[in-house]
Amino acid sequence: MGPYLDELAPMYTNAPSSSPIHAATNAVAMSVLANHKGARDRRHEADTMYGRALTLVYAAIGVPSESKTDETLMCVLLLQLFEVCSSHKYFLYLQPVSINQGFSRYLIRVCKLAAFMLLH
């Protein structure tokens, strides 16, 4: 696992369910689930979760002490990952050609971890 992915699970576990890290992780997870055949009706739910996560992260960035935390940085990375996962409905089944293969495998692992965390 990549160095950042190793930090996601403890951050998620230790944060309250109303935190930006929960909102961002859940949005990524729902986006991954929405990409699967038979779950396309989840796209609206994923987009709604993404909007909530954006609001929470924006508020965190506005607080000087929160804006510099590892959790906030992880949230920004997760929101970017949401965009990647949402950019193609078959993201998990294709090898993205615009990014190197190592980073591609890393993104897929993050998506799968996020989906696992949402389901459990």
PDB file of N, CA and C in Angstrom:
ATOM      1  N   MET A   1       0.833  -1.190   0.000  1.00  0.00           N
ATOM      2  CA  MET A   1       0.000   0.000   0.000  1.00  0.00           C
ATOM      3  C   MET A   1       0.869   1.242   0.000  1.00  0.00           C
ATOM      4  N   GLY A   2       0.346   2.285  -0.608  1.00  0.00           N
ATOM      5  CA  GLY A   2       1.081   3.540  -0.650  1.00  0.00           C
ATOM      6  C   GLY A   2       1.132   4.177   0.724  1.00  0.00           C
ATOM      7  N   PRO A   3       2.063   5.111   0.926  1.00  0.00           N
ATOM      8  CA  PRO A   3       2.222   5.709   2.254  1.00  0.00           C
ATOM      9  C   PRO A   3       0.994   6.488   2.718  1.00  0.00           C
ATOM     10  N   TYR A   4       0.274   7.101   1.790  1.00  0.00           N
ATOM     11  CA  TYR A   4      -0.903   7.876   2.193  1.00  0.00           C
ATOM     12  C   TYR A   4      -2.070   6.968   2.527  1.00  0.00           C
ATOM     13  N   LEU A   5      -2.203   5.898   1.786  1.00  0.00           N
ATOM     14  CA  LEU A   5      -3.292   4.964   2.018  1.00  0.00           C
ATOM     15  C   LEU A   5      -3.184   4.327   3.396  1.00  0.00           C
ATOM     16  N   ASP A   6      -1.969   4.115   3.860  1.00  0.00           N
ATOM     17  CA  ASP A   6      -1.761   3.543   5.192  1.00  0.00           C
ATOM     18  C   ASP A   6      -2.356   4.436   6.282  1.00  0.00           C
ATOM     19  N   GLU A   7      -2.423   5.718   6.033  1.00  0.00           N
ATOM     20  CA  GLU A   7      -2.922   6.667   7.032  1.00  0.00           C
ATOM     21  C   GLU A   7      -4.436   6.835   7.001  1.00  0.00           C
ATOM     22  N   LEU A   8      -5.081   6.453   5.907  1.00  0.00           N
ATOM     23  CA  LEU A   8      -6.522   6.693   5.769  1.00  0.00           C
ATOM     24  C   LEU A   8      -7.338   5.927   6.802  1.00  0.00           C
ATOM     25  N   ALA A   9      -7.096   4.641   6.949  1.00  0.00           N
ATOM     26  CA  ALA A   9      -7.909   3.831   7.873  1.00  0.00           C
ATOM     27  C   ALA A   9      -7.866   4.359   9.309  1.00  0.00           C
ATOM     28  N   PRO A  10      -6.673   4.662   9.878  1.00  0.00           N
ATOM     29  CA  PRO A  10      -6.682   5.201  11.245  1.00  0.00           C
ATOM     30  C   PRO A  10      -7.372   6.572  11.343  1.00  0.00           C
ATOM     31  N   MET A  11      -7.187   7.417  10.337  1.00  0.00           N
ATOM     32  CA  MET A  11      -7.856   8.728  10.358  1.00  0.00           C
ATOM     33  C   MET A  11      -9.371   8.544  10.372  1.00  0.00           C
ATOM     34  N   TYR A  12      -9.844   7.671   9.508  1.00  0.00           N
ATOM     35  CA  TYR A  12     -11.281   7.418   9.385  1.00  0.00           C
ATOM     36  C   TYR A  12     -11.827   6.841  10.690  1.00  0.00           C
ATOM     37  N   THR A  13     -11.128   5.888  11.245  1.00  0.00           N
ATOM     38  CA  THR A  13     -11.569   5.203  12.461  1.00  0.00           C
ATOM     39  C   THR A  13     -11.604   6.143  13.660  1.00  0.00           C
ATOM     40  N   ASN A  14     -10.620   7.023  13.761  1.00  0.00           N
ATOM     41  CA  ASN A  14     -10.515   7.900  14.929  1.00  0.00           C
ATOM     42  C   ASN A  14     -11.342   9.173  14.831  1.00  0.00           C
ATOM     43  N   ALA A  15     -11.865   9.479  13.663  1.00  0.00           N
ATOM     44  CA  ALA A  15     -12.632  10.723  13.480  1.00  0.00           C
ATOM     45  C   ALA A  15     -14.120  10.479  13.751  1.00  0.00           C
ATOM     46  N   PRO A  16     -14.809  11.508  14.213  1.00  0.00           N
ATOM     47  CA  PRO A  16     -16.258  11.359  14.401  1.00  0.00           C
ATOM     48  C   PRO A  16     -16.964  11.189  13.044  1.00  0.00           C
ATOM     49  N   SER A  17     -18.118  10.572  13.067  1.00  0.00           N
ATOM     50  CA  SER A  17     -18.835  10.294  11.818  1.00  0.00           C
ATOM     51  C   SER A  17     -19.274  11.566  11.091  1.00  0.00           C
ATOM     52  N   SER A  18     -19.288  12.691  11.766  1.00  0.00           N
ATOM     53  CA  SER A  18     -19.671  13.960  11.140  1.00  0.00           C
ATOM     54  C   SER A  18     -18.467  14.710  10.550  1.00  0.00           C
ATOM     55  N   SER A  19     -17.302  14.092  10.579  1.00  0.00           N
ATOM     56  CA  SER A  19     -16.069  14.759  10.153  1.00  0.00           C
ATOM     57  C   SER A  19     -15.928  14.820   8.634  1.00  0.00           C
ATOM     58  N   PRO A  20     -15.098  15.745   8.148  1.00  0.00           N
ATOM     59  CA  PRO A  20     -14.830  15.819   6.710  1.00  0.00           C
ATOM     60  C   PRO A  20     -14.213  14.534   6.148  1.00  0.00           C
ATOM     61  N   ILE A  21     -13.380  13.850   6.929  1.00  0.00           N
ATOM     62  CA  ILE A  21     -12.733  12.631   6.428  1.00  0.00           C
ATOM     63  C   ILE A  21     -13.772  11.530   6.190  1.00  0.00           C
ATOM     64  N   HIS A  22     -14.770  11.456   7.036  1.00  0.00           N
ATOM     65  CA  HIS A  22     -15.852  10.483   6.811  1.00  0.00           C
ATOM     66  C   HIS A  22     -16.641  10.857   5.563  1.00  0.00           C
ATOM     67  N   ALA A  23     -16.972  12.124   5.435  1.00  0.00           N
ATOM     68  CA  ALA A  23     -17.757  12.560   4.279  1.00  0.00           C
ATOM     69  C   ALA A  23     -17.001  12.323   2.977  1.00  0.00           C
ATOM     70  N   ALA A  24     -15.715  12.657   2.944  1.00  0.00           N
ATOM     71  CA  ALA A  24     -14.923  12.489   1.724  1.00  0.00           C
ATOM     72  C   ALA A  24     -14.730  11.012   1.390  1.00  0.00           C
ATOM     73  N   THR A  25     -14.430  10.197   2.394  1.00  0.00           N
ATOM     74  CA  THR A  25     -14.243   8.762   2.171  1.00  0.00           C
ATOM     75  C   THR A  25     -15.539   8.113   1.692  1.00  0.00           C
ATOM     76  N   ASN A  26     -16.649   8.470   2.311  1.00  0.00           N
ATOM     77  CA  ASN A  26     -17.940   7.912   1.909  1.00  0.00           C
ATOM     78  C   ASN A  26     -18.320   8.333   0.498  1.00  0.00           C
ATOM     79  N   ALA A  27     -17.986   9.546   0.115  1.00  0.00           N
ATOM     80  CA  ALA A  27     -18.276  10.001  -1.253  1.00  0.00           C
ATOM     81  C   ALA A  27     -17.481   9.189  -2.270  1.00  0.00           C
ATOM     82  N   VAL A  28     -16.203   8.956  -1.983  1.00  0.00           N
ATOM     83  CA  VAL A  28     -15.378   8.141  -2.885  1.00  0.00           C
ATOM     84  C   VAL A  28     -15.940   6.726  -2.959  1.00  0.00           C
ATOM     85  N   ALA A  29     -16.276   6.168  -1.814  1.00  0.00           N
ATOM     86  CA  ALA A  29     -16.808   4.804  -1.787  1.00  0.00           C
ATOM     87  C   ALA A  29     -18.101   4.694  -2.591  1.00  0.00           C
ATOM     88  N   MET A  30     -18.984   5.652  -2.424  1.00  0.00           N
ATOM     89  CA  MET A  30     -20.247   5.615  -3.158  1.00  0.00           C
ATOM     90  C   MET A  30     -20.010   5.797  -4.648  1.00  0.00           C
ATOM     91  N   SER A  31     -19.035   6.594  -5.007  1.00  0.00           N
ATOM     92  CA  SER A  31     -18.692   6.773  -6.413  1.00  0.00           C
ATOM     93  C   SER A  31     -18.211   5.456  -7.021  1.00  0.00           C
ATOM     94  N   VAL A  32     -17.388   4.732  -6.266  1.00  0.00           N
ATOM     95  CA  VAL A  32     -16.903   3.433  -6.730  1.00  0.00           C
ATOM     96  C   VAL A  32     -18.080   2.472  -6.895  1.00  0.00           C
ATOM     97  N   LEU A  33     -18.958   2.446  -5.915  1.00  0.00           N
ATOM     98  CA  LEU A  33     -20.124   1.562  -6.004  1.00  0.00           C
ATOM     99  C   LEU A  33     -21.023   1.947  -7.178  1.00  0.00           C
ATOM    100  N   ALA A  34     -21.155   3.236  -7.430  1.00  0.00           N
ATOM    101  CA  ALA A  34     -22.002   3.700  -8.535  1.00  0.00           C
ATOM    102  C   ALA A  34     -21.448   3.287  -9.892  1.00  0.00           C
ATOM    103  N   ASN A  35     -20.154   3.016  -9.958  1.00  0.00           N
ATOM    104  CA  ASN A  35     -19.545   2.589 -11.216  1.00  0.00           C
ATOM    105  C   ASN A  35     -19.855   1.138 -11.558  1.00  0.00           C
ATOM    106  N   HIS A  36     -20.285   0.370 -10.590  1.00  0.00           N
ATOM    107  CA  HIS A  36     -20.550  -1.046 -10.831  1.00  0.00           C
ATOM    108  C   HIS A  36     -21.881  -1.231 -11.538  1.00  0.00           C
ATOM    109  N   LYS A  37     -21.904  -2.205 -12.394  1.00  0.00           N
ATOM    110  CA  LYS A  37     -23.121  -2.538 -13.129  1.00  0.00           C
ATOM    111  C   LYS A  37     -24.236  -2.841 -12.131  1.00  0.00           C
ATOM    112  N   GLY A  38     -25.401  -2.311 -12.375  1.00  0.00           N
ATOM    113  CA  GLY A  38     -26.524  -2.557 -11.492  1.00  0.00           C
ATOM    114  C   GLY A  38     -26.622  -1.575 -10.328  1.00  0.00           C
ATOM    115  N   ALA A  39     -25.653  -0.689 -10.187  1.00  0.00           N
ATOM    116  CA  ALA A  39     -25.684   0.271  -9.076  1.00  0.00           C
ATOM    117  C   ALA A  39     -25.622   1.703  -9.585  1.00  0.00           C
ATOM    118  N   ARG A  40     -25.939   1.913 -10.811  1.00  0.00           N
ATOM    119  CA  ARG A  40     -25.826   3.255 -11.404  1.00  0.00           C
ATOM    120  C   ARG A  40     -26.780   4.266 -10.763  1.00  0.00           C
ATOM    121  N   ASP A  41     -27.844   3.759 -10.127  1.00  0.00           N
ATOM    122  CA  ASP A  41     -28.763   4.666  -9.445  1.00  0.00           C
ATOM    123  C   ASP A  41     -28.104   5.325  -8.231  1.00  0.00           C
ATOM    124  N   ARG A  42     -26.936   4.864  -7.870  1.00  0.00           N
ATOM    125  CA  ARG A  42     -26.202   5.437  -6.729  1.00  0.00           C
ATOM    126  C   ARG A  42     -25.412   6.697  -7.111  1.00  0.00           C
ATOM    127  N   ARG A  43     -25.332   7.031  -8.400  1.00  0.00           N
ATOM    128  CA  ARG A  43     -24.551   8.194  -8.841  1.00  0.00           C
ATOM    129  C   ARG A  43     -25.063   9.470  -8.180  1.00  0.00           C
ATOM    130  N   HIS A  44     -26.375   9.660  -8.129  1.00  0.00           N
ATOM    131  CA  HIS A  44     -26.928  10.867  -7.501  1.00  0.00           C
ATOM    132  C   HIS A  44     -26.553  10.909  -6.020  1.00  0.00           C
ATOM    133  N   GLU A  45     -26.628   9.753  -5.356  1.00  0.00           N
ATOM    134  CA  GLU A  45     -26.252   9.680  -3.944  1.00  0.00           C
ATOM    135  C   GLU A  45     -24.768  10.019  -3.759  1.00  0.00           C
ATOM    136  N   ALA A  46     -23.925   9.519  -4.663  1.00  0.00           N
ATOM    137  CA  ALA A  46     -22.493   9.819  -4.600  1.00  0.00           C
ATOM    138  C   ALA A  46     -22.250  11.317  -4.783  1.00  0.00           C
ATOM    139  N   ASP A  47     -22.933  11.911  -5.738  1.00  0.00           N
ATOM    140  CA  ASP A  47     -22.771  13.347  -5.981  1.00  0.00           C
ATOM    141  C   ASP A  47     -23.242  14.178  -4.791  1.00  0.00           C
ATOM    142  N   THR A  48     -24.318  13.745  -4.145  1.00  0.00           N
ATOM    143  CA  THR A  48     -24.814  14.435  -2.951  1.00  0.00           C
ATOM    144  C   THR A  48     -23.790  14.344  -1.822  1.00  0.00           C
ATOM    145  N   MET A  49     -23.211  13.151  -1.646  1.00  0.00           N
ATOM    146  CA  MET A  49     -22.176  12.972  -0.609  1.00  0.00           C
ATOM    147  C   MET A  49     -20.957  13.829  -0.915  1.00  0.00           C
ATOM    148  N   TYR A  50     -20.612  13.927  -2.184  1.00  0.00           N
ATOM    149  CA  TYR A  50     -19.475  14.753  -2.596  1.00  0.00           C
ATOM    150  C   TYR A  50     -19.733  16.226  -2.251  1.00  0.00           C
ATOM    151  N   GLY A  51     -20.927  16.699  -2.511  1.00  0.00           N
ATOM    152  CA  GLY A  51     -21.279  18.083  -2.173  1.00  0.00           C
ATOM    153  C   GLY A  51     -21.165  18.348  -0.682  1.00  0.00           C
ATOM    154  N   ARG A  52     -21.625  17.387   0.126  1.00  0.00           N
ATOM    155  CA  ARG A  52     -21.514  17.522   1.580  1.00  0.00           C
ATOM    156  C   ARG A  52     -20.043  17.538   1.994  1.00  0.00           C
ATOM    157  N   ALA A  53     -19.253  16.649   1.406  1.00  0.00           N
ATOM    158  CA  ALA A  53     -17.822  16.600   1.731  1.00  0.00           C
ATOM    159  C   ALA A  53     -17.132  17.904   1.350  1.00  0.00           C
ATOM    160  N   LEU A  54     -17.453  18.428   0.177  1.00  0.00           N
ATOM    161  CA  LEU A  54     -16.874  19.713  -0.245  1.00  0.00           C
ATOM    162  C   LEU A  54     -17.174  20.812   0.761  1.00  0.00           C
ATOM    163  N   THR A  55     -18.413  20.859   1.225  1.00  0.00           N
ATOM    164  CA  THR A  55     -18.817  21.875   2.200  1.00  0.00           C
ATOM    165  C   THR A  55     -18.011  21.746   3.491  1.00  0.00           C
ATOM    166  N   LEU A  56     -17.870  20.510   3.979  1.00  0.00           N
ATOM    167  CA  LEU A  56     -17.129  20.292   5.227  1.00  0.00           C
ATOM    168  C   LEU A  56     -15.639  20.593   5.074  1.00  0.00           C
ATOM    169  N   VAL A  57     -15.069  20.205   3.949  1.00  0.00           N
ATOM    170  CA  VAL A  57     -13.639  20.461   3.723  1.00  0.00           C
ATOM    171  C   VAL A  57     -13.391  21.956   3.546  1.00  0.00           C
ATOM    172  N   TYR A  58     -14.277  22.629   2.836  1.00  0.00           N
ATOM    173  CA  TYR A  58     -14.157  24.075   2.663  1.00  0.00           C
ATOM    174  C   TYR A  58     -14.191  24.770   4.028  1.00  0.00           C
ATOM    175  N   ALA A  59     -15.089  24.327   4.899  1.00  0.00           N
ATOM    176  CA  ALA A  59     -15.163  24.909   6.247  1.00  0.00           C
ATOM    177  C   ALA A  59     -13.876  24.628   7.021  1.00  0.00           C
ATOM    178  N   ALA A  60     -13.330  23.427   6.895  1.00  0.00           N
ATOM    179  CA  ALA A  60     -12.082  23.079   7.600  1.00  0.00           C
ATOM    180  C   ALA A  60     -10.916  23.920   7.098  1.00  0.00           C
ATOM    181  N   ILE A  61     -10.876  24.156   5.813  1.00  0.00           N
ATOM    182  CA  ILE A  61      -9.794  24.966   5.242  1.00  0.00           C
ATOM    183  C   ILE A  61      -9.872  26.408   5.745  1.00  0.00           C
ATOM    184  N   GLY A  62     -11.075  26.853   6.065  1.00  0.00           N
ATOM    185  CA  GLY A  62     -11.272  28.212   6.577  1.00  0.00           C
ATOM    186  C   GLY A  62     -10.823  28.413   8.013  1.00  0.00           C
ATOM    187  N   VAL A  63     -10.544  27.348   8.721  1.00  0.00           N
ATOM    188  CA  VAL A  63     -10.074  27.428  10.109  1.00  0.00           C
ATOM    189  C   VAL A  63      -8.569  27.192  10.097  1.00  0.00           C
ATOM    190  N   PRO A  64      -7.770  28.207  10.444  1.00  0.00           N
ATOM    191  CA  PRO A  64      -6.311  28.076  10.329  1.00  0.00           C
ATOM    192  C   PRO A  64      -5.724  26.812  10.957  1.00  0.00           C
ATOM    193  N   SER A  65      -6.193  26.447  12.138  1.00  0.00           N
ATOM    194  CA  SER A  65      -5.621  25.266  12.796  1.00  0.00           C
ATOM    195  C   SER A  65      -6.009  23.968  12.081  1.00  0.00           C
ATOM    196  N   GLU A  66      -7.189  23.924  11.485  1.00  0.00           N
ATOM    197  CA  GLU A  66      -7.629  22.725  10.771  1.00  0.00           C
ATOM    198  C   GLU A  66      -7.072  22.660   9.352  1.00  0.00           C
ATOM    199  N   SER A  67      -6.793  23.810   8.783  1.00  0.00           N
ATOM    200  CA  SER A  67      -6.358  23.841   7.389  1.00  0.00           C
ATOM    201  C   SER A  67      -5.007  23.179   7.168  1.00  0.00           C
ATOM    202  N   LYS A  68      -4.237  23.033   8.230  1.00  0.00           N
ATOM    203  CA  LYS A  68      -2.884  22.486   8.110  1.00  0.00           C
ATOM    204  C   LYS A  68      -2.777  21.046   8.607  1.00  0.00           C
ATOM    205  N   THR A  69      -3.894  20.394   8.890  1.00  0.00           N
ATOM    206  CA  THR A  69      -3.837  19.036   9.437  1.00  0.00           C
ATOM    207  C   THR A  69      -3.696  17.993   8.329  1.00  0.00           C
ATOM    208  N   ASP A  70      -3.175  16.842   8.723  1.00  0.00           N
ATOM    209  CA  ASP A  70      -3.071  15.718   7.793  1.00  0.00           C
ATOM    210  C   ASP A  70      -4.451  15.271   7.323  1.00  0.00           C
ATOM    211  N   GLU A  71      -5.438  15.339   8.211  1.00  0.00           N
ATOM    212  CA  GLU A  71      -6.798  14.932   7.855  1.00  0.00           C
ATOM    213  C   GLU A  71      -7.361  15.809   6.738  1.00  0.00           C
ATOM    214  N   THR A  72      -7.145  17.106   6.830  1.00  0.00           N
ATOM    215  CA  THR A  72      -7.644  18.003   5.791  1.00  0.00           C
ATOM    216  C   THR A  72      -6.948  17.743   4.463  1.00  0.00           C
ATOM    217  N   LEU A  73      -5.652  17.531   4.507  1.00  0.00           N
ATOM    218  CA  LEU A  73      -4.925  17.198   3.282  1.00  0.00           C
ATOM    219  C   LEU A  73      -5.447  15.891   2.683  1.00  0.00           C
ATOM    220  N   MET A  74      -5.687  14.892   3.525  1.00  0.00           N
ATOM    221  CA  MET A  74      -6.230  13.622   3.048  1.00  0.00           C
ATOM    222  C   MET A  74      -7.597  13.836   2.415  1.00  0.00           C
ATOM    223  N   CYS A  75      -8.388  14.703   2.996  1.00  0.00           N
ATOM    224  CA  CYS A  75      -9.711  15.006   2.428  1.00  0.00           C
ATOM    225  C   CYS A  75      -9.584  15.603   1.027  1.00  0.00           C
ATOM    226  N   VAL A  76      -8.646  16.517   0.860  1.00  0.00           N
ATOM    227  CA  VAL A  76      -8.434  17.124  -0.458  1.00  0.00           C
ATOM    228  C   VAL A  76      -8.015  16.051  -1.459  1.00  0.00           C
ATOM    229  N   LEU A  77      -7.131  15.143  -1.050  1.00  0.00           N
ATOM    230  CA  LEU A  77      -6.722  14.051  -1.930  1.00  0.00           C
ATOM    231  C   LEU A  77      -7.909  13.146  -2.259  1.00  0.00           C
ATOM    232  N   LEU A  78      -8.761  12.880  -1.280  1.00  0.00           N
ATOM    233  CA  LEU A  78      -9.934  12.042  -1.524  1.00  0.00           C
ATOM    234  C   LEU A  78     -10.927  12.723  -2.464  1.00  0.00           C
ATOM    235  N   LEU A  79     -11.102  14.028  -2.312  1.00  0.00           N
ATOM    236  CA  LEU A  79     -12.006  14.744  -3.214  1.00  0.00           C
ATOM    237  C   LEU A  79     -11.482  14.711  -4.643  1.00  0.00           C
ATOM    238  N   GLN A  80     -10.165  14.796  -4.796  1.00  0.00           N
ATOM    239  CA  GLN A  80      -9.568  14.670  -6.121  1.00  0.00           C
ATOM    240  C   GLN A  80      -9.791  13.256  -6.648  1.00  0.00           C
ATOM    241  N   LEU A  81      -9.674  12.280  -5.775  1.00  0.00           N
ATOM    242  CA  LEU A  81      -9.907  10.895  -6.165  1.00  0.00           C
ATOM    243  C   LEU A  81     -11.357  10.685  -6.593  1.00  0.00           C
ATOM    244  N   PHE A  82     -12.288  11.345  -5.919  1.00  0.00           N
ATOM    245  CA  PHE A  82     -13.691  11.277  -6.331  1.00  0.00           C
ATOM    246  C   PHE A  82     -13.833  11.724  -7.779  1.00  0.00           C
ATOM    247  N   GLU A  83     -13.163  12.809  -8.112  1.00  0.00           N
ATOM    248  CA  GLU A  83     -13.227  13.310  -9.484  1.00  0.00           C
ATOM    249  C   GLU A  83     -12.685  12.286 -10.472  1.00  0.00           C
ATOM    250  N   VAL A  84     -11.590  11.623 -10.106  1.00  0.00           N
ATOM    251  CA  VAL A  84     -11.008  10.595 -10.982  1.00  0.00           C
ATOM    252  C   VAL A  84     -11.973   9.425 -11.124  1.00  0.00           C
ATOM    253  N   CYS A  85     -12.511   8.954  -9.999  1.00  0.00           N
ATOM    254  CA  CYS A  85     -13.432   7.816 -10.038  1.00  0.00           C
ATOM    255  C   CYS A  85     -14.710   8.147 -10.802  1.00  0.00           C
ATOM    256  N   SER A  86     -15.148   9.380 -10.703  1.00  0.00           N
ATOM    257  CA  SER A  86     -16.391   9.785 -11.358  1.00  0.00           C
ATOM    258  C   SER A  86     -16.207  10.138 -12.832  1.00  0.00           C
ATOM    259  N   SER A  87     -14.963  10.305 -13.241  1.00  0.00           N
ATOM    260  CA  SER A  87     -14.734  10.779 -14.609  1.00  0.00           C
ATOM    261  C   SER A  87     -15.031   9.716 -15.657  1.00  0.00           C
ATOM    262  N   HIS A  88     -15.059   8.465 -15.255  1.00  0.00           N
ATOM    263  CA  HIS A  88     -15.387   7.407 -16.202  1.00  0.00           C
ATOM    264  C   HIS A  88     -16.166   6.326 -15.470  1.00  0.00           C
ATOM    265  N   LYS A  89     -17.304   5.938 -15.997  1.00  0.00           N
ATOM    266  CA  LYS A  89     -18.166   5.002 -15.289  1.00  0.00           C
ATOM    267  C   LYS A  89     -17.579   3.610 -15.144  1.00  0.00           C
ATOM    268  N   TYR A  90     -16.547   3.310 -15.887  1.00  0.00           N
ATOM    269  CA  TYR A  90     -15.913   1.998 -15.767  1.00  0.00           C
ATOM    270  C   TYR A  90     -14.491   2.130 -15.226  1.00  0.00           C
ATOM    271  N   PHE A  91     -14.266   3.090 -14.353  1.00  0.00           N
ATOM    272  CA  PHE A  91     -12.929   3.387 -13.850  1.00  0.00           C
ATOM    273  C   PHE A  91     -12.193   2.155 -13.338  1.00  0.00           C
ATOM    274  N   LEU A  92     -12.870   1.320 -12.563  1.00  0.00           N
ATOM    275  CA  LEU A  92     -12.191   0.182 -11.949  1.00  0.00           C
ATOM    276  C   LEU A  92     -11.812  -0.895 -12.952  1.00  0.00           C
ATOM    277  N   TYR A  93     -12.426  -0.870 -14.125  1.00  0.00           N
ATOM    278  CA  TYR A  93     -12.178  -1.930 -15.090  1.00  0.00           C
ATOM    279  C   TYR A  93     -11.186  -1.538 -16.171  1.00  0.00           C
ATOM    280  N   LEU A  94     -10.837  -0.279 -16.246  1.00  0.00           N
ATOM    281  CA  LEU A  94      -9.931   0.206 -17.277  1.00  0.00           C
ATOM    282  C   LEU A  94      -8.611   0.637 -16.669  1.00  0.00           C
ATOM    283  N   GLN A  95      -7.551   0.531 -17.444  1.00  0.00           N
ATOM    284  CA  GLN A  95      -6.272   1.092 -17.040  1.00  0.00           C
ATOM    285  C   GLN A  95      -6.231   2.531 -17.537  1.00  0.00           C
ATOM    286  N   PRO A  96      -6.274   3.512 -16.651  1.00  0.00           N
ATOM    287  CA  PRO A  96      -6.189   4.892 -17.128  1.00  0.00           C
ATOM    288  C   PRO A  96      -4.889   5.108 -17.895  1.00  0.00           C
ATOM    289  N   VAL A  97      -4.975   5.739 -19.032  1.00  0.00           N
ATOM    290  CA  VAL A  97      -3.795   5.945 -19.865  1.00  0.00           C
ATOM    291  C   VAL A  97      -3.085   7.251 -19.547  1.00  0.00           C
ATOM    292  N   SER A  98      -3.735   8.135 -18.798  1.00  0.00           N
ATOM    293  CA  SER A  98      -3.144   9.441 -18.548  1.00  0.00           C
ATOM    294  C   SER A  98      -2.263   9.472 -17.300  1.00  0.00           C
ATOM    295  N   ILE A  99      -2.232   8.394 -16.534  1.00  0.00           N
ATOM    296  CA  ILE A  99      -1.409   8.366 -15.340  1.00  0.00           C
ATOM    297  C   ILE A  99      -0.564   7.101 -15.346  1.00  0.00           C
ATOM    298  N   ASN A 100       0.554   7.143 -14.655  1.00  0.00           N
ATOM    299  CA  ASN A 100       1.430   5.970 -14.693  1.00  0.00           C
ATOM    300  C   ASN A 100       0.791   4.784 -13.987  1.00  0.00           C
ATOM    301  N   GLN A 101       1.281   3.601 -14.302  1.00  0.00           N
ATOM    302  CA  GLN A 101       0.655   2.377 -13.829  1.00  0.00           C
ATOM    303  C   GLN A 101       0.716   2.224 -12.309  1.00  0.00           C
ATOM    304  N   GLY A 102       1.796   2.633 -11.675  1.00  0.00           N
ATOM    305  CA  GLY A 102       1.901   2.530 -10.221  1.00  0.00           C
ATOM    306  C   GLY A 102       0.854   3.382  -9.526  1.00  0.00           C
ATOM    307  N   PHE A 103       0.680   4.600  -9.995  1.00  0.00           N
ATOM    308  CA  PHE A 103      -0.316   5.479  -9.397  1.00  0.00           C
ATOM    309  C   PHE A 103      -1.719   4.954  -9.681  1.00  0.00           C
ATOM    310  N   SER A 104      -1.905   4.367 -10.849  1.00  0.00           N
ATOM    311  CA  SER A 104      -3.194   3.775 -11.200  1.00  0.00           C
ATOM    312  C   SER A 104      -3.559   2.673 -10.211  1.00  0.00           C
ATOM    313  N   ARG A 105      -2.610   1.792  -9.909  1.00  0.00           N
ATOM    314  CA  ARG A 105      -2.869   0.720  -8.934  1.00  0.00           C
ATOM    315  C   ARG A 105      -3.161   1.320  -7.556  1.00  0.00           C
ATOM    316  N   TYR A 106      -2.468   2.384  -7.198  1.00  0.00           N
ATOM    317  CA  TYR A 106      -2.691   3.048  -5.920  1.00  0.00           C
ATOM    318  C   TYR A 106      -4.121   3.601  -5.844  1.00  0.00           C
ATOM    319  N   LEU A 107      -4.573   4.266  -6.896  1.00  0.00           N
ATOM    320  CA  LEU A 107      -5.925   4.817  -6.913  1.00  0.00           C
ATOM    321  C   LEU A 107      -6.971   3.717  -6.782  1.00  0.00           C
ATOM    322  N   ILE A 108      -6.752   2.616  -7.465  1.00  0.00           N
ATOM    323  CA  ILE A 108      -7.701   1.510  -7.391  1.00  0.00           C
ATOM    324  C   ILE A 108      -7.764   0.966  -5.970  1.00  0.00           C
ATOM    325  N   ARG A 109      -6.619   0.846  -5.301  1.00  0.00           N
ATOM    326  CA  ARG A 109      -6.614   0.377  -3.915  1.00  0.00           C
ATOM    327  C   ARG A 109      -7.350   1.343  -2.993  1.00  0.00           C
ATOM    328  N   VAL A 110      -7.146   2.633  -3.197  1.00  0.00           N
ATOM    329  CA  VAL A 110      -7.848   3.623  -2.366  1.00  0.00           C
ATOM    330  C   VAL A 110      -9.348   3.506  -2.578  1.00  0.00           C
ATOM    331  N   CYS A 111      -9.764   3.375  -3.836  1.00  0.00           N
ATOM    332  CA  CYS A 111     -11.199   3.238  -4.137  1.00  0.00           C
ATOM    333  C   CYS A 111     -11.780   1.999  -3.474  1.00  0.00           C
ATOM    334  N   LYS A 112     -11.082   0.892  -3.567  1.00  0.00           N
ATOM    335  CA  LYS A 112     -11.583  -0.343  -2.970  1.00  0.00           C
ATOM    336  C   LYS A 112     -11.617  -0.242  -1.450  1.00  0.00           C
ATOM    337  N   LEU A 113     -10.603   0.383  -0.847  1.00  0.00           N
ATOM    338  CA  LEU A 113     -10.595   0.559   0.599  1.00  0.00           C
ATOM    339  C   LEU A 113     -11.752   1.454   1.024  1.00  0.00           C
ATOM    340  N   ALA A 114     -11.985   2.526   0.296  1.00  0.00           N
ATOM    341  CA  ALA A 114     -13.084   3.430   0.616  1.00  0.00           C
ATOM    342  C   ALA A 114     -14.424   2.702   0.525  1.00  0.00           C
ATOM    343  N   ALA A 115     -14.606   1.889  -0.508  1.00  0.00           N
ATOM    344  CA  ALA A 115     -15.837   1.119  -0.653  1.00  0.00           C
ATOM    345  C   ALA A 115     -16.001   0.132   0.503  1.00  0.00           C
ATOM    346  N   PHE A 116     -14.925  -0.528   0.899  1.00  0.00           N
ATOM    347  CA  PHE A 116     -14.963  -1.471   2.017  1.00  0.00           C
ATOM    348  C   PHE A 116     -15.355  -0.751   3.295  1.00  0.00           C
ATOM    349  N   MET A 117     -14.764   0.430   3.521  1.00  0.00           N
ATOM    350  CA  MET A 117     -15.041   1.173   4.753  1.00  0.00           C
ATOM    351  C   MET A 117     -16.482   1.646   4.795  1.00  0.00           C
ATOM    352  N   LEU A 118     -17.050   1.992   3.660  1.00  0.00           N
ATOM    353  CA  LEU A 118     -18.442   2.434   3.634  1.00  0.00           C
ATOM    354  C   LEU A 118     -19.388   1.276   3.943  1.00  0.00           C
ATOM    355  N   LEU A 119     -19.043   0.103   3.465  1.00  0.00           N
ATOM    356  CA  LEU A 119     -19.922  -1.052   3.640  1.00  0.00           C
ATOM    357  C   LEU A 119     -19.836  -1.670   5.038  1.00  0.00           C
ATOM    358  N   HIS A 120     -18.796  -1.344   5.796  1.00  0.00           N
ATOM    359  CA  HIS A 120     -18.643  -1.976   7.114  1.00  0.00           C
ATOM    360  C   HIS A 120     -18.764  -0.997   8.235  1.00  0.00           C
TER     361      HIS A 120
END
